[in-house]
Amino acid sequence: MATPHVLNAAIVGLGRWGKNLVESVQGKSAGIRFVRGMVRHPEAVADFAGRHGLVLTPRFQDLLDDDAVEALVLATPHGLHVEQIVAAAQAGKPVFCEKPLALSRIEAERAVEACARAGVVLGVGHDKRFWPSMMELKRVVDSGCLGTLLHVEGNLSNENSRTAYTAWRGLPSESPGGCLTATGIHILDAFVNLLGPARQVTAHYQLRQRAPDCVDTTTVYFEFQGGASGVLTSVRPTPVFFRVHVFGTNGSAEARGADDMELRLSGKPAERRSFAPVDALRYELEAFADAVAGRAAYPVTPQQIIETVATLEAAIRAVGTASQPTAGAEHVSLLARPLDRQ
């Protein structure tokens, strides 16, 4: 039996998260490895690159021109993503992009369509999808045992944004909408994955302290095209907490953290399901490698990529309005447009 090909990738951006991505697979995965890296100041990460066998460059074009680089993994500021994705697609290289892929629907469509035209895989880094709790929640929802889906609640609060702060994340152009681009995007993706696209978004945002540490709370309300309602909450300075809870006419199911899910069905005792921990970053990168090799489709579909970014864009607009001292919450409608395939 032939040994499966190992995808040779380049990491673009070696900040905290870029390093996490490298360490999740290097020397561990039979599906993907990193051979090159791009960073503006290679000398700052020379020791890390040496430990992991990365050849560094400060030029993005060098990666596009290198035939040994078969795919790109982007861990760069949000505003750079789409141009880098388009350039990679034009060079015929599959690309995996950290979340959020873009900050507007039109930009997400441009990235997706560039990859579709070039016939290359586009993956996006929603690692929470690969948590055992969320995979089981998806299976339960899709089974239909909850009946008609009525409501979903999600909370991802994370104090790490205070301890892992970088200057670009403080720019309104890069991180609008309070916590939405850093943590809320994971809940948005979960909602789209479980209930489909939203049709209307309303938000409430409260900023108590901007500096030296940001203290804020975000609440976003949803109406989904399928008729269900939803609410997302996030508290910036509180310890890490994650939950997604789906309610239906026959019961509810709640994922709490990475490894636990509880199912409650009418007339039956609650059932808690616990799972062994996994490395979600490794799983998502290996899923990308599988998609590039044609072994399986990437779990986040192109249409879901667009729908999640469209929902993010609407939520950012609603949060921006809600944060104005004299303004109330804004209802932002989403116009769902299917992605045309040629």
Protein backbone atom coordinates (compact mmCIF):
# COMPACT_ATOMS: atom_id res chain seq x y z
CA MET A 1 0.00 0.00 0.00
CA ALA A 2 1.36 3.41 -0.98
CA THR A 3 2.21 5.85 1.79
CA PRO A 4 -0.17 8.86 1.72
CA HIS A 5 1.45 12.07 0.52
CA VAL A 6 2.28 14.61 3.23
CA LEU A 7 1.13 18.12 2.27
CA ASN A 8 4.03 20.59 2.40
CA ALA A 9 2.64 23.89 3.68
CA ALA A 10 3.93 27.35 4.51
CA ILE A 11 2.73 29.30 7.55
CA VAL A 12 2.08 32.99 6.90
CA GLY A 13 2.38 34.85 10.19
CA LEU A 14 4.20 33.46 13.22
CA GLY A 15 2.57 35.23 16.12
CA ARG A 16 1.03 33.30 19.00
CA TRP A 17 -1.60 31.57 16.87
CA GLY A 18 0.67 30.85 13.93
CA LYS A 19 3.06 29.10 16.31
CA ASN A 20 0.17 27.12 17.78
CA LEU A 21 -0.79 25.89 14.32
CA VAL A 22 2.75 24.79 13.55
CA GLU A 23 3.17 22.99 16.87
CA SER A 24 -0.15 21.16 16.45
CA VAL A 25 1.13 19.12 13.48
CA GLN A 26 4.90 19.40 13.18
CA GLY A 27 6.42 15.98 13.81
CA LYS A 28 2.98 14.60 14.74
CA SER A 29 0.86 14.50 11.60
CA ALA A 30 1.11 12.11 8.68
CA GLY A 31 -1.03 14.42 6.56
CA ILE A 32 0.54 17.88 6.72
CA ARG A 33 3.80 19.55 7.71
CA PHE A 34 5.22 23.05 7.53
CA VAL A 35 8.35 23.59 5.45
CA ARG A 36 8.44 27.39 5.14
CA GLY A 37 7.27 30.44 7.02
CA MET A 38 6.70 34.09 6.20
CA VAL A 39 7.09 36.81 8.82
CA ARG A 40 8.07 40.46 8.53
CA HIS A 41 11.00 40.10 10.93
CA PRO A 42 12.48 36.59 10.53
CA GLU A 43 15.14 37.23 13.14
CA ALA A 44 12.44 37.52 15.83
CA VAL A 45 11.33 33.90 15.36
CA ALA A 46 14.61 32.35 14.19
CA ASP A 47 14.83 30.00 17.20
CA PHE A 48 11.27 28.75 16.71
CA ALA A 49 11.85 28.25 12.99
CA GLY A 50 15.06 26.35 13.65
CA ARG A 51 13.36 23.98 16.08
CA HIS A 52 10.62 23.19 13.58
CA GLY A 53 12.65 23.10 10.36
CA LEU A 54 11.10 26.18 8.75
CA VAL A 55 12.85 28.21 6.08
CA LEU A 56 11.81 31.81 6.66
CA THR A 57 11.23 34.73 4.33
CA PRO A 58 9.81 38.24 4.80
CA ARG A 59 8.20 38.16 1.33
CA PHE A 60 4.80 36.59 0.62
CA GLN A 61 5.68 36.28 -3.07
CA ASP A 62 8.54 33.92 -2.22
CA LEU A 63 6.00 31.37 -0.99
CA LEU A 64 3.91 31.70 -4.14
CA ASP A 65 6.99 31.18 -6.31
CA ASP A 66 8.29 28.15 -4.39
CA ASP A 67 7.20 24.90 -6.04
CA ALA A 68 8.02 23.02 -2.82
CA VAL A 69 5.22 24.92 -1.05
CA GLU A 70 2.00 23.10 -1.93
CA ALA A 71 -0.40 25.08 0.29
CA LEU A 72 -0.55 28.21 2.42
CA VAL A 73 -1.87 28.59 5.96
CA LEU A 74 -2.75 32.17 6.90
CA ALA A 75 -2.42 33.38 10.49
CA THR A 76 -2.36 37.06 9.59
CA PRO A 77 -4.52 40.10 10.47
CA HIS A 78 -8.08 39.87 9.12
CA GLY A 79 -7.64 42.73 6.67
CA LEU A 80 -4.91 40.87 4.78
CA HIS A 81 -6.79 37.61 4.33
CA VAL A 82 -8.73 38.15 1.12
CA GLU A 83 -5.87 39.59 -0.94
CA GLN A 84 -3.61 36.76 0.24
CA ILE A 85 -6.26 34.14 -0.56
CA VAL A 86 -6.80 35.55 -4.06
CA ALA A 87 -3.03 35.64 -4.70
CA ALA A 88 -2.63 32.06 -3.50
CA ALA A 89 -5.52 30.88 -5.68
CA GLN A 90 -4.05 32.60 -8.72
CA ALA A 91 -0.78 30.80 -8.01
CA GLY A 92 -2.69 27.50 -7.92
CA LYS A 93 -2.09 26.89 -4.22
CA PRO A 94 -4.78 25.72 -1.77
CA VAL A 95 -5.15 28.00 1.22
CA PHE A 96 -6.25 27.56 4.83
CA CYS A 97 -7.23 30.84 6.49
CA GLU A 98 -7.71 31.62 10.16
CA LYS A 99 -11.04 33.07 11.24
CA PRO A 100 -12.61 35.40 10.43
CA LEU A 101 -11.89 34.86 6.76
CA ALA A 102 -13.23 38.33 5.95
CA LEU A 103 -15.25 41.14 7.53
CA SER A 104 -17.85 41.54 4.77
CA ARG A 105 -19.94 39.23 2.62
CA ILE A 106 -18.67 40.74 -0.63
CA GLU A 107 -15.06 40.06 0.38
CA ALA A 108 -15.86 36.50 1.46
CA GLU A 109 -17.55 35.90 -1.88
CA ARG A 110 -14.49 37.24 -3.68
CA ALA A 111 -12.19 34.83 -1.82
CA VAL A 112 -14.49 31.83 -2.31
CA GLU A 113 -15.00 32.56 -6.00
CA ALA A 114 -11.25 33.03 -6.60
CA CYS A 115 -10.57 29.58 -5.18
CA ALA A 116 -13.49 28.06 -7.09
CA ARG A 117 -12.21 29.50 -10.39
CA ALA A 118 -8.70 28.23 -9.69
CA GLY A 119 -9.97 24.82 -8.58
CA VAL A 120 -8.13 24.97 -5.25
CA VAL A 121 -9.37 24.13 -1.76
CA LEU A 122 -10.24 26.93 0.67
CA GLY A 123 -10.34 26.00 4.35
CA VAL A 124 -11.19 28.25 7.28
CA GLY A 125 -10.00 27.83 10.86
CA HIS A 126 -13.12 27.26 12.92
CA ASP A 127 -11.39 24.83 15.27
CA LYS A 128 -14.35 24.59 17.68
CA ARG A 129 -16.19 22.58 15.01
CA PHE A 130 -13.67 19.81 15.63
CA TRP A 131 -14.28 19.63 19.38
CA PRO A 132 -15.89 16.29 20.29
CA SER A 133 -18.72 18.10 22.09
CA MET A 134 -19.60 20.14 19.01
CA MET A 135 -19.32 17.20 16.63
CA GLU A 136 -21.73 15.24 18.83
CA LEU A 137 -24.07 18.23 19.07
CA LYS A 138 -24.14 18.46 15.28
CA ARG A 139 -24.88 14.73 15.03
CA VAL A 140 -27.74 15.03 17.53
CA VAL A 141 -29.27 18.05 15.78
CA ASP A 142 -29.03 16.40 12.37
CA SER A 143 -30.65 13.21 13.70
CA GLY A 144 -33.95 15.06 14.19
CA CYS A 145 -34.45 13.74 17.74
CA LEU A 146 -34.91 17.28 19.10
CA GLY A 147 -37.93 17.83 16.89
CA THR A 148 -38.52 21.23 15.33
CA LEU A 149 -35.63 23.51 16.24
CA LEU A 150 -36.84 26.55 18.16
CA HIS A 151 -33.89 28.35 19.74
CA VAL A 152 -30.12 28.30 20.23
CA GLU A 153 -27.94 29.93 22.88
CA GLY A 154 -24.17 30.33 22.73
CA ASN A 155 -21.53 31.87 24.97
CA LEU A 156 -17.80 32.12 24.38
CA SER A 157 -16.15 34.35 26.94
CA ASN A 158 -12.38 34.49 27.00
CA GLU A 159 -10.00 36.49 29.15
CA ASN A 160 -7.10 35.38 26.93
CA SER A 161 -7.75 38.34 24.66
CA ARG A 162 -6.36 40.52 27.43
CA THR A 163 -3.19 38.51 27.99
CA ALA A 164 -2.50 37.80 24.30
CA TYR A 165 -3.13 41.33 23.04
CA THR A 166 -1.37 42.52 19.88
CA ALA A 167 -1.51 46.06 18.51
CA TRP A 168 -3.41 45.26 15.31
CA ARG A 169 -6.29 43.76 17.30
CA GLY A 170 -6.93 47.17 18.81
CA LEU A 171 -7.59 48.78 15.44
CA PRO A 172 -11.29 49.41 14.68
CA SER A 173 -10.64 48.40 11.06
CA GLU A 174 -9.29 44.99 12.11
CA SER A 175 -11.40 44.13 15.17
CA PRO A 176 -14.79 45.83 14.94
CA GLY A 177 -17.82 44.72 16.89
CA GLY A 178 -16.30 44.26 20.33
CA CYS A 179 -15.36 40.60 20.84
CA LEU A 180 -17.01 39.32 17.66
CA THR A 181 -13.91 38.80 15.51
CA ALA A 182 -11.90 37.16 18.29
CA THR A 183 -14.38 34.89 20.09
CA GLY A 184 -17.92 35.53 18.91
CA ILE A 185 -17.10 34.30 15.41
CA HIS A 186 -16.84 30.75 16.78
CA ILE A 187 -20.41 30.93 18.07
CA LEU A 188 -21.60 32.50 14.80
CA ASP A 189 -20.09 29.61 12.87
CA ALA A 190 -21.69 27.10 15.24
CA PHE A 191 -25.10 28.73 14.74
CA VAL A 192 -24.77 28.63 10.94
CA ASN A 193 -23.58 25.01 11.08
CA LEU A 194 -26.47 23.92 13.32
CA LEU A 195 -29.40 26.08 12.19
CA GLY A 196 -28.42 27.57 8.85
CA PRO A 197 -28.20 31.23 7.85
CA ALA A 198 -29.68 34.09 9.85
CA ARG A 199 -32.12 36.59 8.38
CA GLN A 200 -32.03 39.29 11.05
CA VAL A 201 -29.57 40.35 13.76
CA THR A 202 -29.95 42.72 16.71
CA ALA A 203 -27.23 43.58 19.22
CA HIS A 204 -26.58 45.14 22.59
CA TYR A 205 -23.04 46.23 23.48
CA GLN A 206 -21.77 47.72 26.72
CA LEU A 207 -18.23 49.03 27.16
CA ARG A 208 -17.34 49.68 30.80
CA GLN A 209 -13.61 50.27 30.45
CA ARG A 210 -11.42 50.66 27.38
CA ALA A 211 -7.93 50.93 28.89
CA PRO A 212 -5.66 49.56 30.17
CA ASP A 213 -7.80 46.39 29.90
CA CYS A 214 -10.96 46.24 27.82
CA VAL A 215 -14.02 45.40 29.92
CA ASP A 216 -17.10 44.88 27.76
CA THR A 217 -20.10 42.64 27.21
CA THR A 218 -21.74 41.74 23.91
CA THR A 219 -25.19 40.26 23.33
CA VAL A 220 -26.43 39.48 19.83
CA TYR A 221 -29.96 38.27 19.02
CA PHE A 222 -30.79 36.28 15.90
CA GLU A 223 -33.73 35.27 13.79
CA PHE A 224 -32.86 32.37 11.49
CA GLN A 225 -34.31 31.73 8.07
CA GLY A 226 -35.68 28.43 9.32
CA GLY A 227 -37.75 30.23 11.96
CA ALA A 228 -35.67 29.62 15.10
CA SER A 229 -34.36 32.35 17.39
CA GLY A 230 -30.94 32.63 19.00
CA VAL A 231 -28.77 34.63 21.36
CA LEU A 232 -24.97 34.96 21.53
CA THR A 233 -23.23 36.40 24.58
CA SER A 234 -19.60 37.13 25.35
CA VAL A 235 -17.89 38.75 28.33
CA ARG A 236 -14.35 39.94 27.61
CA PRO A 237 -12.54 39.77 30.97
CA THR A 238 -14.09 36.65 32.51
CA PRO A 239 -12.34 33.24 32.58
CA VAL A 240 -12.73 31.02 29.51
CA PHE A 241 -16.24 29.62 29.14
CA PHE A 242 -17.93 27.93 26.17
CA ARG A 243 -21.42 26.58 25.63
CA VAL A 244 -23.84 26.05 22.74
CA HIS A 245 -27.38 24.90 23.63
CA VAL A 246 -29.99 23.96 21.01
CA PHE A 247 -33.68 23.70 21.97
CA GLY A 248 -36.39 21.86 20.04
CA THR A 249 -39.97 20.72 20.51
CA ASN A 250 -38.84 17.28 21.76
CA GLY A 251 -35.79 18.18 23.83
CA SER A 252 -32.52 20.08 23.98
CA ALA A 253 -28.81 19.37 23.65
CA GLU A 254 -25.98 21.40 25.13
CA ALA A 255 -22.26 21.31 24.34
CA ARG A 256 -20.24 22.67 27.26
CA GLY A 257 -16.55 23.09 26.71
CA ALA A 258 -14.63 20.85 24.35
CA ASP A 259 -15.48 17.42 25.69
CA ASP A 260 -18.98 17.30 27.23
CA MET A 261 -22.50 17.29 25.82
CA GLU A 262 -25.80 16.80 27.66
CA LEU A 263 -28.95 15.56 25.95
CA ARG A 264 -32.40 16.15 27.47
CA LEU A 265 -35.35 14.50 25.74
CA SER A 266 -38.96 14.76 26.87
CA GLY A 267 -39.91 11.96 29.26
CA LYS A 268 -36.33 10.70 29.66
CA PRO A 269 -33.57 11.42 32.18
CA ALA A 270 -30.80 13.77 31.12
CA GLU A 271 -27.88 11.96 29.47
CA ARG A 272 -24.35 13.34 29.75
CA ARG A 273 -21.86 12.27 27.10
CA SER A 274 -18.15 12.85 27.74
CA PHE A 275 -15.34 12.41 25.23
CA ALA A 276 -11.57 12.13 25.26
CA PRO A 277 -9.78 15.39 24.50
CA VAL A 278 -8.45 15.96 20.97
CA ASP A 279 -6.12 18.48 19.35
CA ALA A 280 -8.68 20.45 17.33
CA LEU A 281 -5.99 22.47 15.54
CA ARG A 282 -4.37 19.29 14.26
CA TYR A 283 -7.77 17.90 13.26
CA GLU A 284 -8.71 20.96 11.20
CA LEU A 285 -5.34 21.10 9.44
CA GLU A 286 -5.49 17.38 8.66
CA ALA A 287 -9.05 17.85 7.36
CA PHE A 288 -7.68 20.56 5.07
CA ALA A 289 -4.92 18.21 3.88
CA ASP A 290 -7.53 15.50 3.23
CA ALA A 291 -9.55 17.97 1.15
CA VAL A 292 -6.50 18.97 -0.87
CA ALA A 293 -5.75 15.29 -1.54
CA GLY A 294 -9.36 14.67 -2.56
CA ARG A 295 -9.99 12.22 0.28
CA ALA A 296 -12.89 14.22 1.78
CA ALA A 297 -14.55 17.62 1.45
CA TYR A 298 -13.55 20.25 3.98
CA PRO A 299 -16.27 20.34 6.69
CA VAL A 300 -16.91 24.09 6.38
CA THR A 301 -18.54 24.45 2.97
CA PRO A 302 -17.98 27.48 0.72
CA GLN A 303 -21.61 28.52 1.28
CA GLN A 304 -21.17 28.31 5.05
CA ILE A 305 -18.01 30.41 4.83
CA ILE A 306 -20.03 33.14 3.13
CA GLU A 307 -23.03 32.81 5.44
CA THR A 308 -20.89 33.05 8.58
CA VAL A 309 -19.11 36.17 7.32
CA ALA A 310 -22.42 37.72 6.24
CA THR A 311 -23.80 37.11 9.73
CA LEU A 312 -20.62 38.56 11.25
CA GLU A 313 -20.92 41.66 9.08
CA ALA A 314 -24.52 42.20 10.17
CA ALA A 315 -23.64 41.64 13.83
CA ILE A 316 -20.76 44.13 13.61
CA ARG A 317 -23.14 46.74 12.18
CA ALA A 318 -25.65 46.06 14.92
CA VAL A 319 -23.00 46.25 17.66
CA GLY A 320 -21.66 49.48 16.18
CA THR A 321 -25.09 51.05 16.35
CA ALA A 322 -25.83 49.70 19.82
CA SER A 323 -22.55 51.14 21.16
CA GLN A 324 -23.53 54.71 20.27
CA PRO A 325 -24.60 56.67 23.38
CA THR A 326 -27.84 57.96 21.85
CA ALA A 327 -28.76 54.99 19.71
CA GLY A 328 -30.82 51.92 20.41
CA ALA A 329 -30.24 48.46 19.02
CA GLU A 330 -30.40 48.15 15.25
CA HIS A 331 -32.19 45.37 13.40
CA VAL A 332 -29.95 44.28 10.54
CA SER A 333 -31.48 42.10 7.85
CA LEU A 334 -29.44 39.67 5.79
CA LEU A 335 -30.27 38.98 2.18
CA ALA A 336 -29.43 35.36 1.52
CA ARG A 337 -27.97 34.85 -1.94
CA PRO A 338 -26.90 31.36 -3.00
CA LEU A 339 -23.39 31.06 -4.34
CA ASP A 340 -23.57 30.61 -8.10
CA ARG A 341 -21.51 27.70 -9.37
CA GLN A 342 -20.36 27.54 -12.95
